[in-house]
């Protein structure tokens, strides 16, 4: 049996959260960038506490706001 992937598999989840594939990709990439920046800042802060004192906290607040805004 040959499984043929369909585009529906790529659009089903975005549609379930009220987004197109492109909107969902942009949202997910933005969230990923924020998390990567927060992770980098936390790593540097762990080694050098004077640096990036509030960066991770601010990034997580921004990420939370993105998810709350998306739900409304």
N, C-alpha and C. Protein backbone atom coordinates (compact mmCIF):
# COMPACT_ATOMS: atom_id res chain seq x y z
N UNK A 1 0.84 -1.17 0.00
CA UNK A 1 0.00 0.00 0.00
C UNK A 1 0.89 1.24 0.00
N UNK A 2 0.63 2.14 -0.87
CA UNK A 2 1.39 3.39 -0.96
C UNK A 2 0.61 4.49 -0.26
N UNK A 3 1.29 5.14 0.69
CA UNK A 3 0.65 6.26 1.38
C UNK A 3 1.00 7.55 0.65
N UNK A 4 -0.01 8.25 0.22
CA UNK A 4 0.20 9.50 -0.48
C UNK A 4 -0.12 10.64 0.48
N UNK A 5 0.89 11.44 0.85
CA UNK A 5 0.62 12.54 1.76
C UNK A 5 -0.29 13.57 1.10
N UNK A 6 -1.17 14.13 1.85
CA UNK A 6 -2.06 15.15 1.32
C UNK A 6 -1.80 16.46 2.04
N UNK A 7 -2.10 17.55 1.37
CA UNK A 7 -1.90 18.87 1.97
C UNK A 7 -2.81 19.04 3.17
N UNK A 8 -3.91 18.30 3.21
CA UNK A 8 -4.84 18.38 4.34
C UNK A 8 -4.14 18.10 5.66
N UNK A 9 -3.19 17.22 5.66
CA UNK A 9 -2.45 16.91 6.89
C UNK A 9 -1.70 18.13 7.40
N UNK A 10 -1.33 19.04 6.49
CA UNK A 10 -0.60 20.24 6.88
C UNK A 10 -1.52 21.40 7.24
N UNK A 11 -2.78 21.32 6.85
CA UNK A 11 -3.70 22.42 7.12
C UNK A 11 -4.72 22.11 8.21
N UNK A 12 -4.84 20.86 8.58
CA UNK A 12 -5.84 20.45 9.56
C UNK A 12 -5.63 21.13 10.92
N UNK A 13 -4.44 21.05 11.46
CA UNK A 13 -4.19 21.66 12.77
C UNK A 13 -4.30 23.19 12.72
N UNK A 14 -3.65 23.86 11.76
CA UNK A 14 -3.81 25.32 11.72
C UNK A 14 -5.29 25.74 11.64
N UNK A 15 -6.07 25.03 10.85
CA UNK A 15 -7.49 25.35 10.74
C UNK A 15 -8.20 25.16 12.08
N UNK A 16 -7.77 24.17 12.86
CA UNK A 16 -8.41 23.90 14.15
C UNK A 16 -8.17 25.02 15.16
N UNK A 17 -7.16 25.85 14.92
CA UNK A 17 -6.91 26.99 15.80
C UNK A 17 -7.21 28.31 15.08
N UNK A 18 -7.95 28.22 13.99
CA UNK A 18 -8.41 29.41 13.28
C UNK A 18 -7.36 30.14 12.48
N UNK A 19 -6.38 29.41 11.95
CA UNK A 19 -5.32 30.04 11.17
C UNK A 19 -5.14 29.31 9.85
N UNK A 20 -4.59 30.05 8.89
CA UNK A 20 -4.16 29.40 7.65
C UNK A 20 -2.81 28.75 7.92
N UNK A 21 -2.32 27.98 6.95
CA UNK A 21 -1.01 27.36 7.13
C UNK A 21 0.07 28.43 7.30
N UNK A 22 0.01 29.48 6.47
CA UNK A 22 1.01 30.55 6.53
C UNK A 22 0.96 31.31 7.86
N UNK A 23 -0.23 31.63 8.33
CA UNK A 23 -0.37 32.31 9.61
C UNK A 23 0.19 31.47 10.75
N UNK A 24 -0.12 30.17 10.69
CA UNK A 24 0.35 29.27 11.73
C UNK A 24 1.88 29.13 11.69
N UNK A 25 2.43 29.05 10.48
CA UNK A 25 3.89 28.95 10.34
C UNK A 25 4.56 30.20 10.89
N UNK A 26 4.02 31.38 10.58
CA UNK A 26 4.59 32.63 11.07
C UNK A 26 4.51 32.69 12.59
N UNK A 27 3.37 32.30 13.16
CA UNK A 27 3.20 32.31 14.61
C UNK A 27 4.20 31.35 15.26
N UNK A 28 4.30 30.13 14.74
CA UNK A 28 5.20 29.13 15.32
C UNK A 28 6.66 29.55 15.20
N UNK A 29 7.03 30.14 14.08
CA UNK A 29 8.42 30.60 13.91
C UNK A 29 8.72 31.77 14.86
N UNK A 30 7.75 32.65 15.06
CA UNK A 30 7.94 33.76 16.01
C UNK A 30 8.12 33.22 17.42
N UNK A 31 7.27 32.27 17.80
CA UNK A 31 7.38 31.66 19.13
C UNK A 31 8.73 30.97 19.29
N UNK A 32 9.17 30.28 18.26
CA UNK A 32 10.45 29.59 18.30
C UNK A 32 11.60 30.58 18.47
N UNK A 33 11.55 31.70 17.78
CA UNK A 33 12.61 32.71 17.89
C UNK A 33 12.65 33.30 19.30
N UNK A 34 11.49 33.57 19.86
CA UNK A 34 11.44 34.11 21.23
C UNK A 34 12.02 33.10 22.21
N UNK A 35 11.65 31.83 22.06
CA UNK A 35 12.17 30.80 22.97
C UNK A 35 13.67 30.61 22.81
N UNK A 36 14.17 30.69 21.57
CA UNK A 36 15.61 30.55 21.34
C UNK A 36 16.36 31.71 21.99
N UNK A 37 15.85 32.93 21.85
CA UNK A 37 16.48 34.09 22.46
C UNK A 37 16.45 33.96 23.99
N UNK A 38 15.31 33.55 24.54
CA UNK A 38 15.20 33.39 26.00
C UNK A 38 16.17 32.32 26.50
N UNK A 39 16.31 31.25 25.75
CA UNK A 39 17.22 30.18 26.13
C UNK A 39 18.67 30.67 26.11
N UNK A 40 19.04 31.39 25.05
CA UNK A 40 20.39 31.93 24.97
C UNK A 40 20.66 32.89 26.13
N UNK A 41 19.72 33.79 26.40
CA UNK A 41 19.89 34.76 27.48
C UNK A 41 20.03 34.06 28.82
N UNK A 42 19.23 33.01 29.05
CA UNK A 42 19.31 32.27 30.32
C UNK A 42 20.66 31.56 30.45
N UNK A 43 21.15 31.02 29.36
CA UNK A 43 22.45 30.35 29.37
C UNK A 43 23.56 31.33 29.72
N UNK A 44 23.56 32.48 29.09
CA UNK A 44 24.58 33.50 29.38
C UNK A 44 24.43 33.99 30.81
N UNK A 45 23.20 34.22 31.25
CA UNK A 45 22.93 34.69 32.60
C UNK A 45 23.42 33.68 33.65
N UNK A 46 23.30 32.40 33.35
CA UNK A 46 23.76 31.38 34.30
C UNK A 46 25.26 31.49 34.55
N UNK A 47 26.01 31.84 33.52
CA UNK A 47 27.47 31.95 33.63
C UNK A 47 27.89 33.34 34.11
N UNK A 48 27.17 34.35 33.67
CA UNK A 48 27.50 35.74 34.02
C UNK A 48 26.23 36.43 34.52
N UNK A 49 25.88 36.27 35.79
CA UNK A 49 24.62 36.79 36.33
C UNK A 49 24.33 38.27 36.10
N UNK A 50 25.35 39.14 35.97
CA UNK A 50 25.00 40.54 35.71
C UNK A 50 24.38 40.78 34.33
N UNK A 51 24.58 39.83 33.42
CA UNK A 51 24.08 39.99 32.05
C UNK A 51 22.69 39.39 31.90
N UNK A 52 21.88 40.01 31.09
CA UNK A 52 20.53 39.52 30.74
C UNK A 52 19.67 39.23 31.98
N UNK A 53 19.69 40.15 32.93
CA UNK A 53 18.98 39.94 34.20
C UNK A 53 17.48 39.69 34.01
N UNK A 54 16.86 40.40 33.09
CA UNK A 54 15.40 40.28 32.92
C UNK A 54 15.00 39.81 31.53
N UNK A 55 15.97 39.50 30.70
CA UNK A 55 15.68 39.16 29.31
C UNK A 55 14.78 37.93 29.18
N UNK A 56 15.10 36.88 29.89
CA UNK A 56 14.31 35.65 29.79
C UNK A 56 12.90 35.89 30.31
N UNK A 57 12.78 36.57 31.43
CA UNK A 57 11.46 36.89 31.99
C UNK A 57 10.64 37.70 30.98
N UNK A 58 11.24 38.72 30.39
CA UNK A 58 10.54 39.56 29.42
C UNK A 58 10.14 38.77 28.18
N UNK A 59 11.01 37.89 27.73
CA UNK A 59 10.71 37.08 26.55
C UNK A 59 9.55 36.14 26.83
N UNK A 60 9.52 35.55 28.01
CA UNK A 60 8.42 34.64 28.35
C UNK A 60 7.10 35.39 28.50
N UNK A 61 7.16 36.62 29.01
CA UNK A 61 5.94 37.43 29.09
C UNK A 61 5.43 37.75 27.68
N UNK A 62 6.36 38.07 26.78
CA UNK A 62 5.97 38.34 25.38
C UNK A 62 5.36 37.11 24.73
N UNK A 63 5.95 35.96 24.97
CA UNK A 63 5.43 34.71 24.42
C UNK A 63 4.03 34.42 24.97
N UNK A 64 3.85 34.59 26.27
CA UNK A 64 2.54 34.39 26.89
C UNK A 64 1.50 35.32 26.27
N UNK A 65 1.88 36.58 26.08
CA UNK A 65 0.96 37.56 25.49
C UNK A 65 0.57 37.15 24.07
N UNK A 66 1.51 36.59 23.31
CA UNK A 66 1.20 36.12 21.96
C UNK A 66 0.13 35.05 21.99
N UNK A 67 0.26 34.10 22.92
CA UNK A 67 -0.71 33.01 22.99
C UNK A 67 -2.06 33.50 23.48
N UNK A 68 -2.08 34.41 24.44
CA UNK A 68 -3.35 34.95 24.93
C UNK A 68 -4.05 35.75 23.83
N UNK A 69 -3.28 36.57 23.10
CA UNK A 69 -3.85 37.36 22.00
C UNK A 69 -4.43 36.47 20.92
N UNK A 70 -3.76 35.36 20.64
CA UNK A 70 -4.23 34.45 19.60
C UNK A 70 -5.57 33.83 19.96
N UNK A 71 -5.82 33.63 21.24
CA UNK A 71 -7.05 33.00 21.68
C UNK A 71 -8.25 33.93 21.64
N UNK A 72 -8.01 35.23 21.57
CA UNK A 72 -9.13 36.18 21.59
C UNK A 72 -9.52 36.60 20.20
